[in-house]
């Protein structure tokens, strides 16, 4: 016993050899093996104590926010409550070890430690092995909060304006279209500024089929729709507006194949405001004034997915409305045309908007 006491006096970190020299300490440390059954090996007893003196705690960093990609709707979106954010985390990536200041007991003493009346006694006796109580702090990876992406409506918005023969709006159309009329002198703001459309909506295609517009006394037939009952196909203006969402790099091309009477196209910033015929990228009429009937813009790899606003105007001053136009992607696919279907490269707007905001009311555009 004298030898035991001398050995205990040299243990680092113990204020007294008493905790190793009492019944609990002797059983745990192994000097009581003759009287009390304990795990057979010194290494096993030490390992059990090491686990008992170790506390694990996890620290989770603040969550990172990620906005999911857009959801493409084929019809006008119905706004619903946003779903609860989804939080995900990856496996543990880092650990820090700290010396424990005060005992934090998160487990119970082994059943064989019968000489230790309480878990704290066993905790103290385990230090006879020279094991330092520690807290291991596990740093979890940064969790990710997924926020729902915007809801985007496929197709383009349209507005149909119907005028009466002889009114100031109809006179502007006739003056621009008759004979050698220069449609670059036609003022978009004078023609449509502050005017409430007769009809609006979202469509998948653009244009007017000549075979369906032979009788000027009947409503205009366009994009699968008919003008209001009682209206005429003469003295009508249809405006389409939307966004291209490029799916690949390369050339995107607007092309006007036929118009009776007037057609114009704007892209980029010119399609959002200040859109006059003189600033149009394409403009053409049934008369002798013609500008380029094809306009191409290039999408670089870094611009894929970045929206490009566009605006298309078609006007019929008199008799036989016709409008045939299309937009093609780099692969030659028609993404918007007379009979096109809704697709993810043509959208009218997104909510919330971001860089694809909802358009203003038609009558407030300038």
Protein backbone atom coordinates (compact mmCIF):
# COMPACT_ATOMS: atom_id res chain seq x y z
CA UNK A 1 0.00 0.00 0.00
CA UNK A 2 2.91 2.33 0.68
CA UNK A 3 4.05 1.90 -2.93
CA UNK A 4 0.56 2.77 -4.18
CA UNK A 5 0.44 6.00 -2.21
CA UNK A 6 3.84 7.08 -3.49
CA UNK A 7 2.81 6.44 -7.06
CA UNK A 8 -0.41 8.37 -6.65
CA UNK A 9 1.40 11.37 -5.30
CA UNK A 10 3.01 11.87 -8.69
CA UNK A 11 -0.19 11.97 -10.79
CA UNK A 12 -0.45 15.26 -12.69
CA UNK A 13 -3.62 17.29 -12.32
CA UNK A 14 -4.83 15.68 -9.04
CA UNK A 15 -5.09 17.85 -5.95
CA UNK A 16 -4.99 14.80 -3.72
CA UNK A 17 -4.24 11.11 -4.00
CA UNK A 18 -7.39 10.41 -2.05
CA UNK A 19 -9.60 9.92 -5.11
CA UNK A 20 -7.29 7.18 -6.37
CA UNK A 21 -6.76 5.56 -2.97
CA UNK A 22 -10.38 5.09 -1.96
CA UNK A 23 -12.43 2.01 -2.86
CA UNK A 24 -13.79 3.58 -6.06
CA UNK A 25 -10.36 4.72 -7.23
CA UNK A 26 -8.71 1.40 -6.46
CA UNK A 27 -11.42 -0.49 -8.35
CA UNK A 28 -11.23 1.76 -11.41
CA UNK A 29 -7.48 2.13 -11.48
CA UNK A 30 -6.99 -1.57 -10.90
CA UNK A 31 -5.40 -2.01 -7.48
CA UNK A 32 -8.55 -3.78 -6.24
CA UNK A 33 -8.56 -6.45 -8.92
CA UNK A 34 -8.19 -9.22 -6.40
CA UNK A 35 -11.49 -8.41 -4.72
CA UNK A 36 -13.67 -6.74 -7.35
CA UNK A 37 -14.23 -7.85 -10.95
CA UNK A 38 -13.32 -5.17 -13.52
CA UNK A 39 -12.52 -5.22 -17.26
CA UNK A 40 -9.54 -7.46 -17.72
CA UNK A 41 -7.00 -5.10 -19.22
CA UNK A 42 -5.59 -1.80 -18.12
CA UNK A 43 -6.00 -0.48 -21.67
CA UNK A 44 -9.71 -1.32 -21.71
CA UNK A 45 -10.34 0.38 -18.36
CA UNK A 46 -8.39 3.43 -19.53
CA UNK A 47 -10.33 3.55 -22.80
CA UNK A 48 -13.68 3.38 -21.01
CA UNK A 49 -12.59 6.24 -18.74
CA UNK A 50 -11.34 8.29 -21.69
CA UNK A 51 -14.76 8.02 -23.34
CA UNK A 52 -16.48 8.91 -20.07
CA UNK A 53 -14.35 12.06 -19.63
CA UNK A 54 -14.98 13.26 -23.19
CA UNK A 55 -18.00 15.43 -24.06
CA UNK A 56 -18.98 16.20 -27.64
CA UNK A 57 -20.76 19.39 -28.59
CA UNK A 58 -21.73 20.61 -32.06
CA UNK A 59 -21.60 24.21 -33.21
CA UNK A 60 -23.62 25.01 -36.35
CA UNK A 61 -22.69 28.16 -38.31
CA UNK A 62 -25.33 30.58 -39.51
CA UNK A 63 -27.24 29.27 -42.49
CA UNK A 64 -26.40 30.30 -46.04
CA UNK A 65 -29.33 31.34 -48.22
CA UNK A 66 -29.74 29.94 -51.72
CA UNK A 67 -32.59 30.94 -54.02
CA UNK A 68 -33.81 28.11 -56.19
CA UNK A 69 -34.22 28.46 -59.95
CA UNK A 70 -37.41 29.80 -61.50
CA UNK A 71 -40.60 27.77 -61.73
CA UNK A 72 -42.12 28.05 -65.19
CA UNK A 73 -45.91 28.18 -65.29
CA UNK A 74 -47.80 27.55 -68.51
CA UNK A 75 -50.72 29.71 -67.38
CA UNK A 76 -51.10 32.89 -65.39
CA UNK A 77 -49.55 32.22 -61.96
CA UNK A 78 -51.70 31.80 -58.86
CA UNK A 79 -49.78 33.23 -55.96
CA UNK A 80 -49.57 30.87 -53.03
CA UNK A 81 -47.93 31.03 -49.65
CA UNK A 82 -44.23 30.27 -49.94
CA UNK A 83 -43.28 26.84 -48.54
CA UNK A 84 -41.21 26.64 -45.38
CA UNK A 85 -37.48 26.98 -46.14
CA UNK A 86 -35.64 23.67 -46.45
CA UNK A 87 -32.48 23.40 -44.36
CA UNK A 88 -29.87 20.84 -45.29
CA UNK A 89 -26.44 20.11 -43.86
CA UNK A 90 -23.48 17.99 -44.91
CA UNK A 91 -21.39 15.72 -42.63
CA UNK A 92 -19.08 17.08 -39.92
CA UNK A 93 -16.09 18.92 -41.32
CA UNK A 94 -14.06 20.25 -38.35
CA UNK A 95 -13.37 19.55 -34.67
CA UNK A 96 -11.85 21.58 -31.84
CA UNK A 97 -10.81 20.09 -28.50
CA UNK A 98 -11.03 22.10 -25.26
CA UNK A 99 -10.12 21.22 -21.70
CA UNK A 100 -13.26 20.90 -19.62
CA UNK A 101 -13.51 23.49 -16.82
CA UNK A 102 -16.23 21.76 -14.79
CA UNK A 103 -17.60 18.21 -14.95
CA UNK A 104 -20.36 17.77 -17.53
CA UNK A 105 -21.64 14.24 -17.13
CA UNK A 106 -23.50 13.02 -20.18
CA UNK A 107 -23.32 9.29 -19.47
CA UNK A 108 -23.36 6.87 -16.54
CA UNK A 109 -20.61 4.86 -14.87
CA UNK A 110 -20.21 1.25 -16.04
CA UNK A 111 -22.11 -1.39 -14.11
CA UNK A 112 -18.94 -3.04 -12.89
CA UNK A 113 -17.86 0.13 -11.01
CA UNK A 114 -19.82 -0.97 -7.93
CA UNK A 115 -17.40 0.69 -5.52
CA UNK A 116 -18.22 4.11 -7.00
CA UNK A 117 -21.43 5.30 -5.39
CA UNK A 118 -22.11 8.01 -8.00
CA UNK A 119 -21.19 8.96 -11.55
CA UNK A 120 -19.11 11.87 -10.22
CA UNK A 121 -17.02 9.47 -8.10
CA UNK A 122 -16.26 7.39 -11.19
CA UNK A 123 -15.49 10.62 -13.11
CA UNK A 124 -12.90 11.58 -10.50
CA UNK A 125 -11.44 8.07 -10.30
CA UNK A 126 -10.93 7.97 -14.06
CA UNK A 127 -8.43 10.78 -13.71
CA UNK A 128 -6.13 8.35 -11.92
CA UNK A 129 -5.12 7.23 -15.42
CA UNK A 130 -3.83 10.74 -16.11
CA UNK A 131 -6.65 11.40 -18.55
CA UNK A 132 -7.65 15.07 -18.86
CA UNK A 133 -11.40 15.74 -19.09
CA UNK A 134 -12.09 17.32 -22.47
CA UNK A 135 -14.88 18.83 -24.51
CA UNK A 136 -14.66 18.15 -28.23
CA UNK A 137 -16.45 20.85 -30.20
CA UNK A 138 -17.60 19.63 -33.58
CA UNK A 139 -18.09 22.40 -36.14
CA UNK A 140 -20.81 21.40 -38.54
CA UNK A 141 -20.77 22.66 -42.12
CA UNK A 142 -22.78 25.72 -42.97
CA UNK A 143 -26.40 24.65 -43.50
CA UNK A 144 -28.22 25.86 -46.58
CA UNK A 145 -31.63 27.49 -46.54
CA UNK A 146 -33.39 27.01 -49.88
CA UNK A 147 -35.77 29.82 -50.73
CA UNK A 148 -38.33 29.26 -53.46
CA UNK A 149 -37.38 30.73 -56.81
CA UNK A 150 -39.57 33.10 -58.78
CA UNK A 151 -42.68 31.87 -60.56
CA UNK A 152 -42.42 32.76 -64.25
CA UNK A 153 -45.30 32.74 -66.73
CA UNK A 154 -44.50 31.26 -70.12
CA UNK A 155 -45.75 33.09 -73.19
CA UNK A 156 -46.05 36.80 -73.96
CA UNK A 157 -48.46 39.46 -72.82
CA UNK A 158 -50.57 41.12 -75.47
CA UNK A 159 -52.76 44.20 -75.68
CA UNK A 160 -55.32 44.79 -78.44
CA UNK A 161 -56.29 48.38 -79.23
CA UNK A 162 -59.36 48.95 -81.40
CA UNK A 163 -60.00 52.40 -82.88
CA UNK A 164 -62.85 53.93 -84.82
CA UNK A 165 -62.45 54.86 -88.45
CA UNK A 166 -61.66 58.55 -88.65
CA UNK A 167 -60.56 59.12 -85.04
CA UNK A 168 -57.12 60.61 -84.37
CA UNK A 169 -55.52 57.21 -83.67
CA UNK A 170 -56.87 55.69 -86.88
CA UNK A 171 -55.75 58.74 -88.83
CA UNK A 172 -52.17 58.24 -87.59
CA UNK A 173 -52.21 54.63 -88.80
CA UNK A 174 -53.54 55.59 -92.22
CA UNK A 175 -51.08 58.47 -92.62
CA UNK A 176 -48.12 56.20 -91.81
CA UNK A 177 -49.31 53.43 -94.11
CA UNK A 178 -50.72 55.23 -97.15
CA UNK A 179 -48.58 55.43 -100.28
CA UNK A 180 -45.02 56.37 -99.39
CA UNK A 181 -45.84 57.04 -95.76
CA UNK A 182 -42.72 56.87 -93.60
CA UNK A 183 -43.67 54.80 -90.55
CA UNK A 184 -40.58 56.08 -88.71
CA UNK A 185 -42.60 59.25 -88.19
CA UNK A 186 -45.33 57.32 -86.38
CA UNK A 187 -45.25 58.21 -82.68
CA UNK A 188 -45.84 55.27 -80.36
CA UNK A 189 -46.69 57.61 -77.50
CA UNK A 190 -49.16 59.65 -79.56
CA UNK A 191 -50.76 56.49 -80.87
CA UNK A 192 -51.05 54.43 -77.66
CA UNK A 193 -49.89 56.54 -74.72
CA UNK A 194 -52.57 56.67 -72.00
CA UNK A 195 -54.94 54.47 -74.00
CA UNK A 196 -56.57 51.53 -72.20
CA UNK A 197 -56.51 48.39 -74.36
CA UNK A 198 -59.76 46.79 -75.44
CA UNK A 199 -58.38 43.36 -74.58
CA UNK A 200 -55.31 41.92 -72.83
CA UNK A 201 -53.92 38.50 -71.93
CA UNK A 202 -51.05 36.03 -72.27
CA UNK A 203 -50.55 33.98 -75.45
CA UNK A 204 -48.08 31.39 -76.71
CA UNK A 205 -47.92 32.66 -80.30
CA UNK A 206 -47.80 35.94 -82.19
CA UNK A 207 -49.33 36.94 -85.51
CA UNK A 208 -52.48 37.16 -87.61
CA UNK A 209 -53.44 34.66 -90.32
CA UNK A 210 -54.61 36.39 -93.50
CA UNK A 211 -57.11 33.60 -94.24
CA UNK A 212 -58.98 34.48 -91.05
CA UNK A 213 -59.04 38.24 -91.60
CA UNK A 214 -60.62 38.71 -95.03
CA UNK A 215 -63.73 40.52 -93.80
CA UNK A 216 -62.77 43.91 -92.30
CA UNK A 217 -66.19 44.21 -90.68
CA UNK A 218 -65.40 41.29 -88.35
CA UNK A 219 -63.21 41.34 -85.23
CA UNK A 220 -59.48 40.83 -85.71
CA UNK A 221 -58.32 37.21 -85.44
CA UNK A 222 -54.83 36.95 -83.93
CA UNK A 223 -52.78 34.57 -81.74
CA UNK A 224 -55.73 32.22 -81.38
CA UNK A 225 -57.95 35.02 -80.08
CA UNK A 226 -60.69 37.19 -81.50
CA UNK A 227 -61.17 40.88 -80.93
CA UNK A 228 -64.19 42.09 -78.91
CA UNK A 229 -67.64 41.49 -80.34
CA UNK A 230 -68.75 44.37 -82.50
CA UNK A 231 -65.18 45.50 -83.29
CA UNK A 232 -63.59 45.52 -86.75
CA UNK A 233 -60.22 44.25 -87.96
CA UNK A 234 -59.51 47.68 -89.48
CA UNK A 235 -57.78 50.32 -87.34
CA UNK A 236 -56.42 47.78 -84.83
CA UNK A 237 -53.07 47.61 -83.05
CA UNK A 238 -51.69 44.57 -81.22
CA UNK A 239 -48.63 44.90 -78.97
CA UNK A 240 -46.76 41.91 -77.53
CA UNK A 241 -44.21 42.19 -74.73
CA UNK A 242 -42.14 39.63 -72.88
CA UNK A 243 -38.66 38.28 -72.16
CA UNK A 244 -36.34 35.85 -73.89
CA UNK A 245 -34.54 33.52 -71.47
CA UNK A 246 -31.63 32.24 -73.59
CA UNK A 247 -31.02 28.53 -73.07
CA UNK A 248 -27.76 28.49 -75.02
CA UNK A 249 -25.09 30.79 -76.39
CA UNK A 250 -25.30 31.94 -79.99
CA UNK A 251 -27.52 33.94 -82.33
CA UNK A 252 -31.14 34.74 -81.49
CA UNK A 253 -32.99 36.16 -84.48
CA UNK A 254 -36.19 38.20 -84.90
CA UNK A 255 -37.66 38.00 -88.37
CA UNK A 256 -40.69 39.71 -89.93
CA UNK A 257 -41.85 37.62 -92.88
CA UNK A 258 -45.03 39.48 -93.79
CA UNK A 259 -47.16 42.32 -92.47
CA UNK A 260 -50.27 44.16 -93.56
CA UNK A 261 -49.98 46.87 -92.60
CA UNK A 262 -47.29 47.86 -90.04
CA UNK A 263 -44.87 45.90 -87.83
CA UNK A 264 -42.00 46.87 -85.52
CA UNK A 265 -39.70 45.10 -83.04
CA UNK A 266 -37.70 46.42 -80.07
CA UNK A 267 -35.24 44.47 -77.91
CA UNK A 268 -33.25 45.23 -74.76
CA UNK A 269 -33.67 48.56 -72.99
CA UNK A 270 -35.49 50.04 -75.99
CA UNK A 271 -38.29 47.52 -75.39
CA UNK A 272 -38.86 48.71 -71.83
CA UNK A 273 -39.30 52.46 -72.32
CA UNK A 274 -38.86 55.16 -74.93
CA UNK A 275 -39.94 52.75 -77.64
CA UNK A 276 -40.65 54.80 -80.74
CA UNK A 277 -40.70 53.50 -84.29
CA UNK A 278 -37.52 55.45 -85.07
CA UNK A 279 -35.67 53.44 -82.38
CA UNK A 280 -37.09 50.06 -83.43
CA UNK A 281 -34.62 47.33 -84.35
CA UNK A 282 -37.06 46.20 -87.06
CA UNK A 283 -39.81 48.18 -88.77
CA UNK A 284 -41.75 47.42 -91.92
CA UNK A 285 -44.98 48.42 -93.62
CA UNK A 286 -47.20 47.41 -96.50
CA UNK A 287 -46.25 50.65 -98.25
CA UNK A 288 -42.92 51.43 -99.85
CA UNK A 289 -41.02 52.25 -96.65
CA UNK A 290 -39.05 49.27 -95.44
CA UNK A 291 -36.30 48.75 -92.92
CA UNK A 292 -34.43 45.56 -92.12
CA UNK A 293 -36.81 42.65 -91.60
CA UNK A 294 -34.31 40.57 -89.63
CA UNK A 295 -32.54 41.42 -86.39
CA UNK A 296 -30.01 39.18 -84.63
CA UNK A 297 -28.39 39.56 -81.23
CA UNK A 298 -25.63 37.36 -79.85
CA UNK A 299 -25.80 35.64 -76.46
CA UNK A 300 -22.41 34.84 -74.92
CA UNK A 301 -21.93 31.83 -72.60
CA UNK A 302 -21.94 34.13 -69.57
CA UNK A 303 -25.28 35.63 -70.69
CA UNK A 304 -27.15 32.32 -70.91
CA UNK A 305 -30.19 32.51 -68.64
CA UNK A 306 -30.11 36.32 -68.44
CA UNK A 307 -33.42 37.71 -69.63
CA UNK A 308 -33.73 40.00 -72.66
CA UNK A 309 -36.91 42.13 -72.87
CA UNK A 310 -38.62 42.55 -76.22
CA UNK A 311 -41.66 44.28 -77.69
CA UNK A 312 -43.47 43.64 -80.97
CA UNK A 313 -46.10 45.90 -82.55
CA UNK A 314 -48.50 44.96 -85.33
CA UNK A 315 -51.08 47.35 -86.76
CA UNK A 316 -53.75 46.96 -89.42
CA UNK A 317 -55.01 50.21 -90.89
CA UNK A 318 -57.38 48.75 -93.44
CA UNK A 319 -58.46 45.52 -95.14
CA UNK A 320 -56.74 42.15 -94.93
CA UNK A 321 -54.80 42.00 -91.67
CA UNK A 322 -51.64 39.88 -91.92
CA UNK A 323 -48.72 39.46 -89.55
CA UNK A 324 -46.15 36.67 -89.78
CA UNK A 325 -43.05 36.89 -87.58
CA UNK A 326 -40.88 34.62 -85.49
CA UNK A 327 -37.98 34.38 -83.06
CA UNK A 328 -35.47 31.56 -83.50
CA UNK A 329 -32.79 30.29 -81.12
CA UNK A 330 -29.19 29.31 -82.05
CA UNK A 331 -30.35 25.81 -83.02
CA UNK A 332 -32.89 27.26 -85.46
CA UNK A 333 -35.89 26.37 -83.30
CA UNK A 334 -38.84 28.75 -83.48
CA UNK A 335 -39.36 29.77 -79.86
CA UNK A 336 -42.06 32.32 -80.70
CA UNK A 337 -44.17 32.44 -83.85
CA UNK A 338 -47.67 32.12 -85.25
CA UNK A 339 -48.25 28.57 -84.02
CA UNK A 340 -45.59 28.27 -81.31
CA UNK A 341 -46.26 26.58 -77.99
CA UNK A 342 -45.34 27.94 -74.58
CA UNK A 343 -41.74 27.16 -73.66
CA UNK A 344 -39.18 28.12 -71.03
CA UNK A 345 -37.25 30.46 -73.38
CA UNK A 346 -40.19 32.87 -73.71
CA UNK A 347 -41.80 34.31 -70.57
CA UNK A 348 -44.07 37.26 -69.92
CA UNK A 349 -42.78 38.05 -66.42
CA UNK A 350 -41.79 36.56 -63.08
CA UNK A 351 -43.07 37.07 -59.54
CA UNK A 352 -41.14 38.16 -57.57
CA UNK A 353 -39.59 39.91 -60.52
CA UNK A 354 -35.86 40.35 -59.86
CA UNK A 355 -34.38 41.12 -63.29
CA UNK A 356 -37.65 40.01 -64.93
CA UNK A 357 -40.19 42.36 -63.37
CA UNK A 358 -43.87 42.47 -64.10
CA UNK A 359 -44.71 45.00 -66.77
CA UNK A 360 -46.54 48.23 -65.91
CA UNK A 361 -50.16 48.79 -66.86
CA UNK A 362 -50.43 49.22 -70.61
CA UNK A 363 -51.96 52.67 -70.39
CA UNK A 364 -49.08 53.95 -68.22
CA UNK A 365 -46.29 52.88 -70.58
CA UNK A 366 -44.11 55.49 -72.24
